[in-house]
């Protein structure tokens, strides 16, 4: 199921990039009547999602209310079939609610067309997935530059941004290596750099350590939170791992399409202290 979901998301993202490039429609304006639009990055109000499968009606989301402030880090947890995947699609602008409202960085995206959603998705959201989704024929710097190509960013600026981002994730020495020449952890770091290339309001990570061993996975999560802290990016992680979830400010528990609990991450304060002196292994190896 996870692989099927990832492939579907990958196809949607590629199609969205093509639409964004072919139809550079104006970005929808932020809602002016929202007093907190400068502070609140994600706001869901009574969001539902209903699917019809033949004669069967599936209520995947049932009145979800959620508010996430700029610079927050949250994790979304829940059993299979709880609605996590549907909520991920809604938050990532890969789908729209059946009813209710969703504001992303002050923009009401609830009723946008596919083309308008592609514009918002390309500019406002950075995606990181379990399976990396790097283009095999492109090297690391070209993969990071790719979203900027679709956004008509000039070549020199594309390279400047990509070079800096790869340096930020400790891969300046691997810029010209293709994915098959990189380890799993290095590929995920390229994917993180690519996700940040458009300076998104939200970094959305779906099981980002699912394909990595525990040691590398721990470092990737620490890197996520360091970048989140240093760049003040809102971080949303979908995970089955309580250890990863507990590094977040808040944990959102989903069951039967509803938010059933919101708790504080038990290890968030400890992680913030650790990040003050955090030096990843790839930096230590340079010394």
C-alpha atoms as a PDB file:
ATOM      1  CA  UNK A   1       0.000   0.000   0.000  1.00  0.00           C
ATOM      2  CA  UNK A   2       2.778   2.401   0.921  1.00  0.00           C
ATOM      3  CA  UNK A   3       4.518   1.832  -2.405  1.00  0.00           C
ATOM      4  CA  UNK A   4       1.262   2.377  -4.293  1.00  0.00           C
ATOM      5  CA  UNK A   5       0.612   5.593  -2.372  1.00  0.00           C
ATOM      6  CA  UNK A   6       4.167   6.821  -3.086  1.00  0.00           C
ATOM      7  CA  UNK A   7       3.879   6.084  -6.813  1.00  0.00           C
ATOM      8  CA  UNK A   8       0.544   7.905  -6.971  1.00  0.00           C
ATOM      9  CA  UNK A   9       2.011  10.935  -5.214  1.00  0.00           C
ATOM     10  CA  UNK A  10       5.041  10.866  -7.510  1.00  0.00           C
ATOM     11  CA  UNK A  11       2.820  10.871 -10.605  1.00  0.00           C
ATOM     12  CA  UNK A  12       0.738  13.726  -9.186  1.00  0.00           C
ATOM     13  CA  UNK A  13       3.823  15.786  -8.438  1.00  0.00           C
ATOM     14  CA  UNK A  14       5.284  15.322 -11.920  1.00  0.00           C
ATOM     15  CA  UNK A  15       1.958  16.193 -13.531  1.00  0.00           C
ATOM     16  CA  UNK A  16       1.695  19.215 -11.266  1.00  0.00           C
ATOM     17  CA  UNK A  17       5.137  20.465 -12.242  1.00  0.00           C
ATOM     18  CA  UNK A  18       4.210  20.172 -15.916  1.00  0.00           C
ATOM     19  CA  UNK A  19       0.978  22.112 -15.370  1.00  0.00           C
ATOM     20  CA  UNK A  20       2.797  24.778 -13.362  1.00  0.00           C
ATOM     21  CA  UNK A  21       5.326  25.213 -16.162  1.00  0.00           C
ATOM     22  CA  UNK A  22       2.801  25.170 -18.991  1.00  0.00           C
ATOM     23  CA  UNK A  23       0.266  27.479 -17.328  1.00  0.00           C
ATOM     24  CA  UNK A  24       2.013  29.981 -15.064  1.00  0.00           C
ATOM     25  CA  UNK A  25      -1.260  31.296 -13.629  1.00  0.00           C
ATOM     26  CA  UNK A  26      -1.103  34.005 -11.013  1.00  0.00           C
ATOM     27  CA  UNK A  27      -0.637  32.743  -7.468  1.00  0.00           C
ATOM     28  CA  UNK A  28      -3.931  33.023  -5.540  1.00  0.00           C
ATOM     29  CA  UNK A  29      -3.877  35.954  -3.127  1.00  0.00           C
ATOM     30  CA  UNK A  30      -3.802  35.310   0.635  1.00  0.00           C
ATOM     31  CA  UNK A  31      -7.128  35.714   2.383  1.00  0.00           C
ATOM     32  CA  UNK A  32      -7.257  39.290   3.657  1.00  0.00           C
ATOM     33  CA  UNK A  33      -9.864  38.609   6.318  1.00  0.00           C
ATOM     34  CA  UNK A  34      -7.674  36.214   8.272  1.00  0.00           C
ATOM     35  CA  UNK A  35      -6.209  38.118  11.201  1.00  0.00           C
ATOM     36  CA  UNK A  36      -3.563  35.505  11.878  1.00  0.00           C
ATOM     37  CA  UNK A  37      -2.529  34.695   8.312  1.00  0.00           C
ATOM     38  CA  UNK A  38       0.957  36.016   9.092  1.00  0.00           C
ATOM     39  CA  UNK A  39       1.278  33.557  11.997  1.00  0.00           C
ATOM     40  CA  UNK A  40      -0.737  30.521  10.904  1.00  0.00           C
ATOM     41  CA  UNK A  41       0.683  28.498   8.032  1.00  0.00           C
ATOM     42  CA  UNK A  42      -1.785  25.587   7.991  1.00  0.00           C
ATOM     43  CA  UNK A  43      -5.426  25.846   9.016  1.00  0.00           C
ATOM     44  CA  UNK A  44      -8.070  23.181   8.446  1.00  0.00           C
ATOM     45  CA  UNK A  45     -11.655  23.961   9.409  1.00  0.00           C
ATOM     46  CA  UNK A  46     -14.173  21.125   9.419  1.00  0.00           C
ATOM     47  CA  UNK A  47     -12.385  19.298   6.596  1.00  0.00           C
ATOM     48  CA  UNK A  48     -14.043  16.157   5.289  1.00  0.00           C
ATOM     49  CA  UNK A  49     -13.134  13.853   2.414  1.00  0.00           C
ATOM     50  CA  UNK A  50     -15.610  11.371   0.984  1.00  0.00           C
ATOM     51  CA  UNK A  51     -14.839   8.800  -1.704  1.00  0.00           C
ATOM     52  CA  UNK A  52     -17.378   6.736  -3.618  1.00  0.00           C
ATOM     53  CA  UNK A  53     -16.163   3.265  -4.587  1.00  0.00           C
ATOM     54  CA  UNK A  54     -18.936   1.683  -6.618  1.00  0.00           C
ATOM     55  CA  UNK A  55     -21.880   1.563  -4.220  1.00  0.00           C
ATOM     56  CA  UNK A  56     -19.648   2.029  -1.190  1.00  0.00           C
ATOM     57  CA  UNK A  57     -19.134   5.443   0.420  1.00  0.00           C
ATOM     58  CA  UNK A  58     -15.897   5.931   2.358  1.00  0.00           C
ATOM     59  CA  UNK A  59     -15.579   8.872   4.722  1.00  0.00           C
ATOM     60  CA  UNK A  60     -11.791   9.155   4.905  1.00  0.00           C
ATOM     61  CA  UNK A  61     -11.800  12.427   6.871  1.00  0.00           C
ATOM     62  CA  UNK A  62     -14.655  13.439   9.157  1.00  0.00           C
ATOM     63  CA  UNK A  63     -14.480  17.060  10.226  1.00  0.00           C
ATOM     64  CA  UNK A  64     -10.772  17.663  10.848  1.00  0.00           C
ATOM     65  CA  UNK A  65      -9.827  20.926  12.579  1.00  0.00           C
ATOM     66  CA  UNK A  66      -6.127  21.704  12.748  1.00  0.00           C
ATOM     67  CA  UNK A  67      -3.978  24.797  13.117  1.00  0.00           C
ATOM     68  CA  UNK A  68      -0.200  24.907  12.702  1.00  0.00           C
ATOM     69  CA  UNK A  69       1.865  28.023  13.338  1.00  0.00           C
ATOM     70  CA  UNK A  70       4.863  29.204  11.348  1.00  0.00           C
ATOM     71  CA  UNK A  71       7.978  27.372  12.506  1.00  0.00           C
ATOM     72  CA  UNK A  72       6.092  24.571  14.282  1.00  0.00           C
ATOM     73  CA  UNK A  73       7.061  20.941  13.864  1.00  0.00           C
ATOM     74  CA  UNK A  74       4.286  18.353  14.024  1.00  0.00           C
ATOM     75  CA  UNK A  75       4.055  14.627  13.460  1.00  0.00           C
ATOM     76  CA  UNK A  76       0.914  12.834  12.282  1.00  0.00           C
ATOM     77  CA  UNK A  77       0.352   9.294  13.540  1.00  0.00           C
ATOM     78  CA  UNK A  78      -2.432   6.745  13.284  1.00  0.00           C
ATOM     79  CA  UNK A  79      -3.171   3.135  12.315  1.00  0.00           C
ATOM     80  CA  UNK A  80      -3.597   1.972   8.737  1.00  0.00           C
ATOM     81  CA  UNK A  81      -6.903   3.225   7.339  1.00  0.00           C
ATOM     82  CA  UNK A  82      -7.063   6.074   9.861  1.00  0.00           C
ATOM     83  CA  UNK A  83      -7.000   8.823   7.228  1.00  0.00           C
ATOM     84  CA  UNK A  84      -3.292   9.743   7.433  1.00  0.00           C
ATOM     85  CA  UNK A  85      -2.758   9.326   3.689  1.00  0.00           C
ATOM     86  CA  UNK A  86      -5.837  11.376   2.860  1.00  0.00           C
ATOM     87  CA  UNK A  87      -4.766  14.119   5.260  1.00  0.00           C
ATOM     88  CA  UNK A  88      -1.309  14.073   3.645  1.00  0.00           C
ATOM     89  CA  UNK A  89      -2.910  14.544   0.218  1.00  0.00           C
ATOM     90  CA  UNK A  90      -4.983  17.469   1.486  1.00  0.00           C
ATOM     91  CA  UNK A  91      -2.065  19.174   3.271  1.00  0.00           C
ATOM     92  CA  UNK A  92       0.140  18.682   0.213  1.00  0.00           C
ATOM     93  CA  UNK A  93      -2.473  20.159  -2.160  1.00  0.00           C
ATOM     94  CA  UNK A  94      -2.630  16.864  -4.031  1.00  0.00           C
ATOM     95  CA  UNK A  95      -6.370  16.804  -3.358  1.00  0.00           C
ATOM     96  CA  UNK A  96      -9.050  19.159  -2.024  1.00  0.00           C
ATOM     97  CA  UNK A  97     -11.609  18.647   0.762  1.00  0.00           C
ATOM     98  CA  UNK A  98     -15.127  17.453   0.011  1.00  0.00           C
ATOM     99  CA  UNK A  99     -16.336  20.039   2.519  1.00  0.00           C
ATOM    100  CA  UNK A 100     -14.642  22.451   4.900  1.00  0.00           C
ATOM    101  CA  UNK A 101     -11.812  24.937   4.418  1.00  0.00           C
ATOM    102  CA  UNK A 102      -8.045  24.580   4.097  1.00  0.00           C
ATOM    103  CA  UNK A 103      -5.815  27.663   4.292  1.00  0.00           C
ATOM    104  CA  UNK A 104      -2.156  27.272   3.320  1.00  0.00           C
ATOM    105  CA  UNK A 105       0.015  30.261   4.174  1.00  0.00           C
ATOM    106  CA  UNK A 106      -3.101  32.452   4.091  1.00  0.00           C
ATOM    107  CA  UNK A 107      -4.415  31.084   0.779  1.00  0.00           C
ATOM    108  CA  UNK A 108      -7.785  29.323   0.686  1.00  0.00           C
ATOM    109  CA  UNK A 109      -6.888  26.273  -1.398  1.00  0.00           C
ATOM    110  CA  UNK A 110     -10.143  24.397  -0.714  1.00  0.00           C
ATOM    111  CA  UNK A 111     -11.745  25.142  -4.074  1.00  0.00           C
ATOM    112  CA  UNK A 112      -8.773  25.763  -6.371  1.00  0.00           C
ATOM    113  CA  UNK A 113      -8.532  24.247  -9.839  1.00  0.00           C
ATOM    114  CA  UNK A 114      -5.886  21.621 -10.653  1.00  0.00           C
ATOM    115  CA  UNK A 115      -3.703  24.247 -12.343  1.00  0.00           C
ATOM    116  CA  UNK A 116      -3.942  26.651  -9.410  1.00  0.00           C
ATOM    117  CA  UNK A 117      -3.208  23.816  -6.967  1.00  0.00           C
ATOM    118  CA  UNK A 118      -0.106  22.930  -8.998  1.00  0.00           C
ATOM    119  CA  UNK A 119       1.098  26.535  -8.664  1.00  0.00           C
ATOM    120  CA  UNK A 120       0.578  26.574  -4.912  1.00  0.00           C
ATOM    121  CA  UNK A 121       2.149  23.136  -4.505  1.00  0.00           C
ATOM    122  CA  UNK A 122       5.252  24.071  -6.493  1.00  0.00           C
ATOM    123  CA  UNK A 123       5.887  27.284  -4.570  1.00  0.00           C
ATOM    124  CA  UNK A 124       4.616  26.645  -1.056  1.00  0.00           C
ATOM    125  CA  UNK A 125       5.382  22.999  -0.250  1.00  0.00           C
ATOM    126  CA  UNK A 126       8.570  20.951  -0.185  1.00  0.00           C
ATOM    127  CA  UNK A 127       8.078  17.164  -0.300  1.00  0.00           C
ATOM    128  CA  UNK A 128      10.386  14.463   1.069  1.00  0.00           C
ATOM    129  CA  UNK A 129       9.409  10.806   0.700  1.00  0.00           C
ATOM    130  CA  UNK A 130      10.619   7.386   1.751  1.00  0.00           C
ATOM    131  CA  UNK A 131      11.748   6.457  -1.773  1.00  0.00           C
ATOM    132  CA  UNK A 132      13.578   9.729  -2.607  1.00  0.00           C
ATOM    133  CA  UNK A 133      12.163  10.200  -6.152  1.00  0.00           C
ATOM    134  CA  UNK A 134      15.446  11.463  -7.603  1.00  0.00           C
ATOM    135  CA  UNK A 135      15.825  11.484 -11.397  1.00  0.00           C
ATOM    136  CA  UNK A 136      18.382   8.703 -12.143  1.00  0.00           C
ATOM    137  CA  UNK A 137      19.897  10.439 -15.181  1.00  0.00           C
ATOM    138  CA  UNK A 138      20.576  13.695 -13.311  1.00  0.00           C
ATOM    139  CA  UNK A 139      23.368  14.321 -10.826  1.00  0.00           C
ATOM    140  CA  UNK A 140      22.757  15.735  -7.336  1.00  0.00           C
ATOM    141  CA  UNK A 141      22.956  19.420  -8.244  1.00  0.00           C
ATOM    142  CA  UNK A 142      20.742  18.916 -11.308  1.00  0.00           C
ATOM    143  CA  UNK A 143      18.122  17.137  -9.193  1.00  0.00           C
ATOM    144  CA  UNK A 144      18.077  20.025  -6.723  1.00  0.00           C
ATOM    145  CA  UNK A 145      17.832  22.555  -9.567  1.00  0.00           C
ATOM    146  CA  UNK A 146      14.933  20.787 -11.292  1.00  0.00           C
ATOM    147  CA  UNK A 147      11.978  22.452  -9.471  1.00  0.00           C
ATOM    148  CA  UNK A 148      13.542  25.842 -10.181  1.00  0.00           C
ATOM    149  CA  UNK A 149      13.718  25.029 -13.905  1.00  0.00           C
ATOM    150  CA  UNK A 150       9.940  24.619 -13.975  1.00  0.00           C
ATOM    151  CA  UNK A 151       9.597  27.937 -12.145  1.00  0.00           C
ATOM    152  CA  UNK A 152      11.744  29.739 -14.750  1.00  0.00           C
ATOM    153  CA  UNK A 153      14.485  30.674 -12.258  1.00  0.00           C
ATOM    154  CA  UNK A 154      17.617  31.818 -14.120  1.00  0.00           C
ATOM    155  CA  UNK A 155      20.434  29.315 -14.590  1.00  0.00           C
ATOM    156  CA  UNK A 156      22.982  31.141 -12.421  1.00  0.00           C
ATOM    157  CA  UNK A 157      20.493  31.588  -9.581  1.00  0.00           C
ATOM    158  CA  UNK A 158      19.428  27.927  -9.854  1.00  0.00           C
ATOM    159  CA  UNK A 159      23.006  26.769  -9.496  1.00  0.00           C
ATOM    160  CA  UNK A 160      23.751  29.206  -6.661  1.00  0.00           C
ATOM    161  CA  UNK A 161      20.754  28.015  -4.636  1.00  0.00           C
ATOM    162  CA  UNK A 162      21.397  24.320  -5.340  1.00  0.00           C
ATOM    163  CA  UNK A 163      25.090  24.595  -4.440  1.00  0.00           C
ATOM    164  CA  UNK A 164      24.270  26.289  -1.112  1.00  0.00           C
ATOM    165  CA  UNK A 165      21.562  23.773  -0.234  1.00  0.00           C
ATOM    166  CA  UNK A 166      23.825  20.808  -0.971  1.00  0.00           C
ATOM    167  CA  UNK A 167      26.469  22.430   1.211  1.00  0.00           C
ATOM    168  CA  UNK A 168      23.847  22.855   3.967  1.00  0.00           C
ATOM    169  CA  UNK A 169      23.186  19.106   3.934  1.00  0.00           C
ATOM    170  CA  UNK A 170      26.877  18.191   3.744  1.00  0.00           C
ATOM    171  CA  UNK A 171      27.015  17.137   0.090  1.00  0.00           C
ATOM    172  CA  UNK A 172      29.092  19.832  -1.590  1.00  0.00           C
ATOM    173  CA  UNK A 173      31.669  17.135  -2.444  1.00  0.00           C
ATOM    174  CA  UNK A 174      29.015  14.926  -4.109  1.00  0.00           C
ATOM    175  CA  UNK A 175      27.316  17.541  -6.291  1.00  0.00           C
ATOM    176  CA  UNK A 176      28.151  15.839  -9.575  1.00  0.00           C
ATOM    177  CA  UNK A 177      27.355  12.275  -8.528  1.00  0.00           C
ATOM    178  CA  UNK A 178      24.227  10.534  -9.824  1.00  0.00           C
ATOM    179  CA  UNK A 179      21.774   8.775  -7.462  1.00  0.00           C
ATOM    180  CA  UNK A 180      23.186   5.288  -8.133  1.00  0.00           C
ATOM    181  CA  UNK A 181      26.559   6.577  -6.890  1.00  0.00           C
ATOM    182  CA  UNK A 182      25.121   7.772  -3.576  1.00  0.00           C
ATOM    183  CA  UNK A 183      24.210   5.931  -0.378  1.00  0.00           C
ATOM    184  CA  UNK A 184      20.610   5.891   0.888  1.00  0.00           C
ATOM    185  CA  UNK A 185      21.349   8.613   3.423  1.00  0.00           C
ATOM    186  CA  UNK A 186      23.031  10.770   0.778  1.00  0.00           C
ATOM    187  CA  UNK A 187      20.075  10.358  -1.593  1.00  0.00           C
ATOM    188  CA  UNK A 188      17.694  11.455   1.146  1.00  0.00           C
ATOM    189  CA  UNK A 189      19.852  14.515   1.807  1.00  0.00           C
ATOM    190  CA  UNK A 190      19.683  15.406  -1.898  1.00  0.00           C
ATOM    191  CA  UNK A 191      15.899  15.009  -1.679  1.00  0.00           C
ATOM    192  CA  UNK A 192      15.822  17.345   1.335  1.00  0.00           C
ATOM    193  CA  UNK A 193      17.903  19.948  -0.519  1.00  0.00           C
ATOM    194  CA  UNK A 194      15.556  19.679  -3.515  1.00  0.00           C
ATOM    195  CA  UNK A 195      12.524  20.106  -1.258  1.00  0.00           C
ATOM    196  CA  UNK A 196      13.995  23.362   0.084  1.00  0.00           C
ATOM    197  CA  UNK A 197      14.960  24.770  -3.330  1.00  0.00           C
ATOM    198  CA  UNK A 198      11.806  26.876  -3.699  1.00  0.00           C
ATOM    199  CA  UNK A 199      12.007  28.187  -0.126  1.00  0.00           C
ATOM    200  CA  UNK A 200       8.674  26.583   0.799  1.00  0.00           C
ATOM    201  CA  UNK A 201       6.419  27.604   3.655  1.00  0.00           C
ATOM    202  CA  UNK A 202       5.971  23.938   4.631  1.00  0.00           C
ATOM    203  CA  UNK A 203       8.250  20.910   4.501  1.00  0.00           C
ATOM    204  CA  UNK A 204       6.109  17.769   4.270  1.00  0.00           C
ATOM    205  CA  UNK A 205       7.883  14.484   5.027  1.00  0.00           C
ATOM    206  CA  UNK A 206       6.186  11.116   4.527  1.00  0.00           C
ATOM    207  CA  UNK A 207       8.020   8.299   6.354  1.00  0.00           C
ATOM    208  CA  UNK A 208      11.366   9.989   5.519  1.00  0.00           C
ATOM    209  CA  UNK A 209      13.505   7.375   7.294  1.00  0.00           C
ATOM    210  CA  UNK A 210      11.548   4.300   6.194  1.00  0.00           C
ATOM    211  CA  UNK A 211      14.259   3.225   3.738  1.00  0.00           C
ATOM    212  CA  UNK A 212      17.232   3.941   6.020  1.00  0.00           C
ATOM    213  CA  UNK A 213      18.942   2.080   8.847  1.00  0.00           C
ATOM    214  CA  UNK A 214      18.399   3.359  12.386  1.00  0.00           C
ATOM    215  CA  UNK A 215      21.705   5.238  12.696  1.00  0.00           C
ATOM    216  CA  UNK A 216      21.365   7.093   9.384  1.00  0.00           C
ATOM    217  CA  UNK A 217      17.653   7.625  10.058  1.00  0.00           C
ATOM    218  CA  UNK A 218      18.432   9.305  13.384  1.00  0.00           C
ATOM    219  CA  UNK A 219      20.855  11.684  11.686  1.00  0.00           C
ATOM    220  CA  UNK A 220      18.369  12.503   8.921  1.00  0.00           C
ATOM    221  CA  UNK A 221      15.704  13.373  11.509  1.00  0.00           C
ATOM    222  CA  UNK A 222      18.201  15.550  13.387  1.00  0.00           C
ATOM    223  CA  UNK A 223      19.065  17.269  10.100  1.00  0.00           C
ATOM    224  CA  UNK A 224      15.360  17.858   9.393  1.00  0.00           C
ATOM    225  CA  UNK A 225      14.906  19.541  12.741  1.00  0.00           C
ATOM    226  CA  UNK A 226      18.120  21.560  12.455  1.00  0.00           C
ATOM    227  CA  UNK A 227      17.035  22.945   9.070  1.00  0.00           C
ATOM    228  CA  UNK A 228      13.535  23.499  10.436  1.00  0.00           C
ATOM    229  CA  UNK A 229      15.001  25.464  13.362  1.00  0.00           C
ATOM    230  CA  UNK A 230      17.645  27.403  11.399  1.00  0.00           C
ATOM    231  CA  UNK A 231      15.342  28.355   8.507  1.00  0.00           C
ATOM    232  CA  UNK A 232      12.104  28.637  10.548  1.00  0.00           C
ATOM    233  CA  UNK A 233      10.316  26.249   8.181  1.00  0.00           C
ATOM    234  CA  UNK A 234       7.106  24.558   9.284  1.00  0.00           C
ATOM    235  CA  UNK A 235       7.768  20.811   9.393  1.00  0.00           C
ATOM    236  CA  UNK A 236       5.035  18.171   9.063  1.00  0.00           C
ATOM    237  CA  UNK A 237       6.097  14.524   9.328  1.00  0.00           C
ATOM    238  CA  UNK A 238       3.842  11.524   8.723  1.00  0.00           C
ATOM    239  CA  UNK A 239       5.309   8.524  10.545  1.00  0.00           C
ATOM    240  CA  UNK A 240       4.554   5.194  12.212  1.00  0.00           C
ATOM    241  CA  UNK A 241       7.612   5.580  14.479  1.00  0.00           C
ATOM    242  CA  UNK A 242       6.855   7.014  17.949  1.00  0.00           C
ATOM    243  CA  UNK A 243      10.550   7.810  18.403  1.00  0.00           C
ATOM    244  CA  UNK A 244      10.523  10.126  15.380  1.00  0.00           C
ATOM    245  CA  UNK A 245       7.155  11.605  16.338  1.00  0.00           C
ATOM    246  CA  UNK A 246       8.338  12.494  19.835  1.00  0.00           C
ATOM    247  CA  UNK A 247      10.980  14.845  18.417  1.00  0.00           C
ATOM    248  CA  UNK A 248       8.200  17.147  17.161  1.00  0.00           C
ATOM    249  CA  UNK A 249       6.560  20.051  18.999  1.00  0.00           C
ATOM    250  CA  UNK A 250       3.216  18.273  18.726  1.00  0.00           C
ATOM    251  CA  UNK A 251       1.911  14.836  17.771  1.00  0.00           C
ATOM    252  CA  UNK A 252      -1.455  14.669  15.988  1.00  0.00           C
ATOM    253  CA  UNK A 253      -3.199  11.304  16.384  1.00  0.00           C
ATOM    254  CA  UNK A 254      -5.708  10.342  13.658  1.00  0.00           C
ATOM    255  CA  UNK A 255      -8.279   7.557  13.987  1.00  0.00           C
ATOM    256  CA  UNK A 256     -11.308   6.830  11.809  1.00  0.00           C
ATOM    257  CA  UNK A 257     -10.834  10.106   9.943  1.00  0.00           C
ATOM    258  CA  UNK A 258     -10.828  12.278  13.064  1.00  0.00           C
ATOM    259  CA  UNK A 259      -8.183  13.956  15.203  1.00  0.00           C
ATOM    260  CA  UNK A 260      -8.528  12.059  18.473  1.00  0.00           C
ATOM    261  CA  UNK A 261      -5.601  13.490  20.422  1.00  0.00           C
ATOM    262  CA  UNK A 262      -2.898  16.158  20.290  1.00  0.00           C
ATOM    263  CA  UNK A 263       0.083  15.799  22.604  1.00  0.00           C
ATOM    264  CA  UNK A 264       3.517  17.335  23.065  1.00  0.00           C
ATOM    265  CA  UNK A 265       6.553  15.497  21.754  1.00  0.00           C
ATOM    266  CA  UNK A 266       8.296  13.967  24.775  1.00  0.00           C
ATOM    267  CA  UNK A 267      11.798  14.366  23.354  1.00  0.00           C
ATOM    268  CA  UNK A 268      11.391  17.751  21.648  1.00  0.00           C
ATOM    269  CA  UNK A 269      13.064  19.789  24.395  1.00  0.00           C
ATOM    270  CA  UNK A 270      15.980  17.337  24.584  1.00  0.00           C
ATOM    271  CA  UNK A 271      16.386  17.463  20.802  1.00  0.00           C
ATOM    272  CA  UNK A 272      16.519  21.275  20.838  1.00  0.00           C
ATOM    273  CA  UNK A 273      19.372  21.105  23.354  1.00  0.00           C
ATOM    274  CA  UNK A 274      21.179  18.441  21.326  1.00  0.00           C
ATOM    275  CA  UNK A 275      20.913  20.474  18.135  1.00  0.00           C
ATOM    276  CA  UNK A 276      22.932  23.266  19.738  1.00  0.00           C
ATOM    277  CA  UNK A 277      26.002  21.049  19.452  1.00  0.00           C
ATOM    278  CA  UNK A 278      24.793  18.699  16.704  1.00  0.00           C
ATOM    279  CA  UNK A 279      27.541  17.734  14.252  1.00  0.00           C
ATOM    280  CA  UNK A 280      26.461  15.040  11.743  1.00  0.00           C
ATOM    281  CA  UNK A 281      28.812  12.160  10.977  1.00  0.00           C
ATOM    282  CA  UNK A 282      29.510  13.444   7.470  1.00  0.00           C
ATOM    283  CA  UNK A 283      30.879  16.678   8.979  1.00  0.00           C
ATOM    284  CA  UNK A 284      32.916  14.818  11.596  1.00  0.00           C
ATOM    285  CA  UNK A 285      34.511  12.728   8.862  1.00  0.00           C
ATOM    286  CA  UNK A 286      35.874  15.876   7.212  1.00  0.00           C
ATOM    287  CA  UNK A 287      37.878  16.764  10.310  1.00  0.00           C
END
